[in-house]
Amino acid sequence: ESSYAMRDENGVLIGERLPFTNVTFDFVDALDYIMFDSTHFRPTERLYVPTSFKELNARDVANGHLLPSIDWPSDHLAIGAQLEFISNDEDEQQVENNVSSLFCESISSNVVNKTPIPTIPSSHPPRCACGCVPNILSMFEMAELRKQARLKAAAESNAS
């Protein structure tokens, strides 16, 4: 399943929220996806992604909808999702209980034949004192800071 999937009121998959992630003079399409197994993961958050040329071109400038632009500095729109691990049975609960120790082991420890599981369950704190989760802002936190900066600039502009 995709983290940007659309479902009807009955939960039936009806399409994709993203009409595009790349827009150039001669190409418009969705090239980027976040796929996951919905029996083991549930999306809890998604990054905002514009879904119309008008949203891409909020400044209303000629060709402002093309990527990259002043507002969207990459040739692809950034997509992102936070996923929550779903524990369905006792074996999976054991996996969830062991994941924290896999991610929290010291980098300098002698770990042999341990393959980390590529997710951090929701029970793991977002900022861990052991350093297994880097103390840097997530894409979601950076997006919120950019949003607050835009709102502040707009308020200052309207006040003057």
C-alpha atoms as a PDB file:
ATOM      1  CA  GLU A   1       0.000   0.000   0.000  1.00  0.00           C
ATOM      2  CA  SER A   2       1.086   3.599  -0.513  1.00  0.00           C
ATOM      3  CA  SER A   3       1.178   6.144   2.309  1.00  0.00           C
ATOM      4  CA  TYR A   4      -0.688   8.560   0.000  1.00  0.00           C
ATOM      5  CA  ALA A   5      -3.459   6.088  -0.920  1.00  0.00           C
ATOM      6  CA  MET A   6      -7.064   7.307  -1.039  1.00  0.00           C
ATOM      7  CA  ARG A   7      -9.874   5.199   0.376  1.00  0.00           C
ATOM      8  CA  ASP A   8     -13.634   5.657   0.308  1.00  0.00           C
ATOM      9  CA  GLU A   9     -15.851   5.713   3.425  1.00  0.00           C
ATOM     10  CA  ASN A  10     -15.842   1.889   3.429  1.00  0.00           C
ATOM     11  CA  GLY A  11     -12.046   1.687   3.405  1.00  0.00           C
ATOM     12  CA  VAL A  12     -11.863   0.528  -0.214  1.00  0.00           C
ATOM     13  CA  LEU A  13      -8.766   1.728  -2.085  1.00  0.00           C
ATOM     14  CA  ILE A  14      -9.902   4.180  -4.791  1.00  0.00           C
ATOM     15  CA  GLY A  15      -6.683   5.804  -5.948  1.00  0.00           C
ATOM     16  CA  GLU A  16      -3.636   7.854  -5.087  1.00  0.00           C
ATOM     17  CA  ARG A  17      -3.607  11.355  -3.517  1.00  0.00           C
ATOM     18  CA  LEU A  18      -0.570  12.425  -5.539  1.00  0.00           C
ATOM     19  CA  PRO A  19      -1.229  13.305  -9.177  1.00  0.00           C
ATOM     20  CA  PHE A  20       2.469  14.206  -9.560  1.00  0.00           C
ATOM     21  CA  THR A  21       5.800  14.425  -7.746  1.00  0.00           C
ATOM     22  CA  ASN A  22       7.737  15.734 -10.761  1.00  0.00           C
ATOM     23  CA  VAL A  23       6.679  18.618 -13.050  1.00  0.00           C
ATOM     24  CA  THR A  24       8.774  19.893 -15.967  1.00  0.00           C
ATOM     25  CA  PHE A  25       7.960  21.599 -19.294  1.00  0.00           C
ATOM     26  CA  ASP A  26       7.341  18.271 -20.994  1.00  0.00           C
ATOM     27  CA  PHE A  27       6.664  15.788 -18.177  1.00  0.00           C
ATOM     28  CA  VAL A  28       4.135  15.542 -15.326  1.00  0.00           C
ATOM     29  CA  ASP A  29       3.776  12.337 -13.310  1.00  0.00           C
ATOM     30  CA  ALA A  30       4.132  10.686  -9.913  1.00  0.00           C
ATOM     31  CA  LEU A  31       7.579   9.081  -9.720  1.00  0.00           C
ATOM     32  CA  ASP A  32       7.954   8.826  -5.955  1.00  0.00           C
ATOM     33  CA  TYR A  33       6.091   6.512  -3.616  1.00  0.00           C
ATOM     34  CA  ILE A  34       6.303   5.228  -0.066  1.00  0.00           C
ATOM     35  CA  MET A  35       5.145   1.624  -0.095  1.00  0.00           C
ATOM     36  CA  PHE A  36       4.499  -0.511   2.980  1.00  0.00           C
ATOM     37  CA  ASP A  37       2.728  -3.694   4.047  1.00  0.00           C
ATOM     38  CA  SER A  38      -0.555  -2.537   5.615  1.00  0.00           C
ATOM     39  CA  THR A  39      -0.798  -5.758   7.636  1.00  0.00           C
ATOM     40  CA  HIS A  40       2.301  -4.671   9.608  1.00  0.00           C
ATOM     41  CA  PHE A  41       2.311  -0.863   9.414  1.00  0.00           C
ATOM     42  CA  ARG A  42      -0.185   1.977   9.706  1.00  0.00           C
ATOM     43  CA  PRO A  43       0.608   5.514   8.482  1.00  0.00           C
ATOM     44  CA  THR A  44       0.277   8.102  11.253  1.00  0.00           C
ATOM     45  CA  GLU A  45       1.496  11.255   9.450  1.00  0.00           C
ATOM     46  CA  ARG A  46       2.305  12.447   5.954  1.00  0.00           C
ATOM     47  CA  LEU A  47       4.201  15.455   4.659  1.00  0.00           C
ATOM     48  CA  TYR A  48       2.065  18.010   2.867  1.00  0.00           C
ATOM     49  CA  VAL A  49       2.462  17.653  -0.893  1.00  0.00           C
ATOM     50  CA  PRO A  50       0.730  20.035  -3.326  1.00  0.00           C
ATOM     51  CA  THR A  51      -1.774  18.333  -5.608  1.00  0.00           C
ATOM     52  CA  SER A  52      -2.434  21.103  -8.134  1.00  0.00           C
ATOM     53  CA  PHE A  53      -0.405  23.487 -10.284  1.00  0.00           C
ATOM     54  CA  LYS A  54      -2.065  26.368  -8.394  1.00  0.00           C
ATOM     55  CA  GLU A  55      -0.664  25.044  -5.098  1.00  0.00           C
ATOM     56  CA  LEU A  56       2.790  24.683  -6.693  1.00  0.00           C
ATOM     57  CA  ASN A  57       2.611  28.287  -7.926  1.00  0.00           C
ATOM     58  CA  ALA A  58       1.311  30.163  -4.867  1.00  0.00           C
ATOM     59  CA  ARG A  59       3.231  33.299  -5.984  1.00  0.00           C
ATOM     60  CA  ASP A  60       1.348  33.253  -9.315  1.00  0.00           C
ATOM     61  CA  VAL A  61       4.445  33.783 -11.453  1.00  0.00           C
ATOM     62  CA  ALA A  62       4.988  32.609 -15.019  1.00  0.00           C
ATOM     63  CA  ASN A  63       6.025  28.933 -15.032  1.00  0.00           C
ATOM     64  CA  GLY A  64       6.035  28.959 -11.212  1.00  0.00           C
ATOM     65  CA  HIS A  65       4.499  25.483 -11.185  1.00  0.00           C
ATOM     66  CA  LEU A  66       7.588  23.886 -12.755  1.00  0.00           C
ATOM     67  CA  LEU A  67      10.136  22.084 -10.603  1.00  0.00           C
ATOM     68  CA  PRO A  68      12.520  23.113  -9.234  1.00  0.00           C
ATOM     69  CA  SER A  69      11.226  26.547  -8.224  1.00  0.00           C
ATOM     70  CA  ILE A  70      11.792  29.166  -5.537  1.00  0.00           C
ATOM     71  CA  ASP A  71       9.254  27.438  -3.273  1.00  0.00           C
ATOM     72  CA  TRP A  72      10.028  23.836  -4.246  1.00  0.00           C
ATOM     73  CA  PRO A  73      13.846  23.686  -4.668  1.00  0.00           C
ATOM     74  CA  SER A  74      14.105  20.090  -5.909  1.00  0.00           C
ATOM     75  CA  ASP A  75      13.111  18.513  -9.208  1.00  0.00           C
ATOM     76  CA  HIS A  76      10.918  16.111  -7.167  1.00  0.00           C
ATOM     77  CA  LEU A  77       8.440  17.007  -4.452  1.00  0.00           C
ATOM     78  CA  ALA A  78       9.526  15.684  -1.063  1.00  0.00           C
ATOM     79  CA  ILE A  79       7.207  13.001   0.247  1.00  0.00           C
ATOM     80  CA  GLY A  80       7.406  11.507   3.692  1.00  0.00           C
ATOM     81  CA  ALA A  81       5.414   9.406   6.107  1.00  0.00           C
ATOM     82  CA  GLN A  82       5.657   8.180   9.647  1.00  0.00           C
ATOM     83  CA  LEU A  83       4.544   4.583  10.033  1.00  0.00           C
ATOM     84  CA  GLU A  84       3.433   2.796  13.168  1.00  0.00           C
ATOM     85  CA  PHE A  85       4.276  -0.879  13.633  1.00  0.00           C
ATOM     86  CA  ILE A  86       1.194  -3.091  14.104  1.00  0.00           C
ATOM     87  CA  SER A  87       1.743  -6.136  16.304  1.00  0.00           C
ATOM     88  CA  ASN A  88      -0.697  -8.893  15.303  1.00  0.00           C
ATOM     89  CA  ASP A  89       0.512 -11.879  17.289  1.00  0.00           C
ATOM     90  CA  GLU A  90       2.886 -13.047  20.006  1.00  0.00           C
ATOM     91  CA  ASP A  91       5.849 -13.553  17.621  1.00  0.00           C
ATOM     92  CA  GLU A  92       5.501 -10.037  16.253  1.00  0.00           C
ATOM     93  CA  GLN A  93       5.133  -8.667  19.792  1.00  0.00           C
ATOM     94  CA  GLN A  94       8.453 -10.343  20.611  1.00  0.00           C
ATOM     95  CA  VAL A  95      10.013  -8.698  17.535  1.00  0.00           C
ATOM     96  CA  GLU A  96       8.684  -5.308  18.653  1.00  0.00           C
ATOM     97  CA  ASN A  97      10.062  -5.841  22.157  1.00  0.00           C
ATOM     98  CA  ASN A  98      13.506  -6.725  20.740  1.00  0.00           C
ATOM     99  CA  VAL A  99      13.735  -3.896  18.203  1.00  0.00           C
ATOM    100  CA  SER A 100      14.522  -1.252  20.790  1.00  0.00           C
ATOM    101  CA  SER A 101      17.593  -3.155  22.006  1.00  0.00           C
ATOM    102  CA  LEU A 102      18.775  -3.623  18.403  1.00  0.00           C
ATOM    103  CA  PHE A 103      18.634   0.105  17.776  1.00  0.00           C
ATOM    104  CA  CYS A 104      19.916   1.130  21.211  1.00  0.00           C
ATOM    105  CA  GLU A 105      23.124  -0.906  21.286  1.00  0.00           C
ATOM    106  CA  SER A 106      26.298   1.077  21.439  1.00  0.00           C
ATOM    107  CA  ILE A 107      27.903   1.671  18.068  1.00  0.00           C
ATOM    108  CA  SER A 108      31.246   0.519  19.514  1.00  0.00           C
ATOM    109  CA  SER A 109      29.856  -2.789  20.869  1.00  0.00           C
ATOM    110  CA  ASN A 110      30.858  -6.030  19.178  1.00  0.00           C
ATOM    111  CA  VAL A 111      27.586  -6.989  17.489  1.00  0.00           C
ATOM    112  CA  VAL A 112      27.851 -10.165  15.434  1.00  0.00           C
ATOM    113  CA  ASN A 113      25.136 -11.494  13.086  1.00  0.00           C
ATOM    114  CA  LYS A 114      22.458  -9.060  14.238  1.00  0.00           C
ATOM    115  CA  THR A 115      20.438  -7.540  11.412  1.00  0.00           C
ATOM    116  CA  PRO A 116      18.529  -4.432  12.552  1.00  0.00           C
ATOM    117  CA  ILE A 117      14.861  -4.342  11.624  1.00  0.00           C
ATOM    118  CA  PRO A 118      14.292  -1.299   9.368  1.00  0.00           C
ATOM    119  CA  THR A 119      11.770   0.517  11.570  1.00  0.00           C
ATOM    120  CA  ILE A 120      11.521   1.942  15.039  1.00  0.00           C
ATOM    121  CA  PRO A 121       8.275   0.920  16.763  1.00  0.00           C
ATOM    122  CA  SER A 122       6.004   3.549  18.286  1.00  0.00           C
ATOM    123  CA  SER A 123       7.093   2.489  21.792  1.00  0.00           C
ATOM    124  CA  HIS A 124      10.615   3.768  21.058  1.00  0.00           C
ATOM    125  CA  PRO A 125      11.029   7.441  22.077  1.00  0.00           C
ATOM    126  CA  PRO A 126      11.535   9.892  19.199  1.00  0.00           C
ATOM    127  CA  ARG A 127      14.668  11.264  20.916  1.00  0.00           C
ATOM    128  CA  CYS A 128      16.624   8.500  22.615  1.00  0.00           C
ATOM    129  CA  ALA A 129      19.337   9.237  25.176  1.00  0.00           C
ATOM    130  CA  CYS A 130      21.511   6.405  23.837  1.00  0.00           C
ATOM    131  CA  GLY A 131      21.952   8.226  20.503  1.00  0.00           C
ATOM    132  CA  CYS A 132      20.445   5.525  18.287  1.00  0.00           C
ATOM    133  CA  VAL A 133      18.046   8.139  16.892  1.00  0.00           C
ATOM    134  CA  PRO A 134      20.127  11.163  15.826  1.00  0.00           C
ATOM    135  CA  ASN A 135      19.286  14.368  17.649  1.00  0.00           C
ATOM    136  CA  ILE A 136      18.330  16.164  14.439  1.00  0.00           C
ATOM    137  CA  LEU A 137      14.998  17.488  13.234  1.00  0.00           C
ATOM    138  CA  SER A 138      12.796  15.124  11.261  1.00  0.00           C
ATOM    139  CA  MET A 139      11.311  16.087   7.882  1.00  0.00           C
ATOM    140  CA  PHE A 140       8.018  16.678   9.700  1.00  0.00           C
ATOM    141  CA  GLU A 141       9.615  19.026  12.232  1.00  0.00           C
ATOM    142  CA  MET A 142      11.458  20.918   9.474  1.00  0.00           C
ATOM    143  CA  ALA A 143       8.224  21.230   7.470  1.00  0.00           C
ATOM    144  CA  GLU A 144       6.478  22.678  10.524  1.00  0.00           C
ATOM    145  CA  LEU A 145       9.323  25.183  11.067  1.00  0.00           C
ATOM    146  CA  ARG A 146       9.101  26.278   7.406  1.00  0.00           C
ATOM    147  CA  LYS A 147       5.329  26.659   7.751  1.00  0.00           C
ATOM    148  CA  GLN A 148       5.709  28.788  10.895  1.00  0.00           C
ATOM    149  CA  ALA A 149       8.361  30.951   9.172  1.00  0.00           C
ATOM    150  CA  ARG A 150       6.052  31.505   6.163  1.00  0.00           C
ATOM    151  CA  LEU A 151       3.145  32.435   8.468  1.00  0.00           C
ATOM    152  CA  LYS A 152       5.354  34.833  10.431  1.00  0.00           C
ATOM    153  CA  ALA A 153       6.667  36.479   7.232  1.00  0.00           C
ATOM    154  CA  ALA A 154       3.121  36.846   5.893  1.00  0.00           C
ATOM    155  CA  ALA A 155       1.943  38.395   9.165  1.00  0.00           C
ATOM    156  CA  GLU A 156       4.879  40.829   9.178  1.00  0.00           C
ATOM    157  CA  SER A 157       4.236  41.698   5.539  1.00  0.00           C
ATOM    158  CA  ASN A 158       0.547  42.378   6.243  1.00  0.00           C
ATOM    159  CA  ALA A 159       1.413  44.494   9.300  1.00  0.00           C
ATOM    160  CA  SER A 160       3.688  46.840   7.311  1.00  0.00           C
END
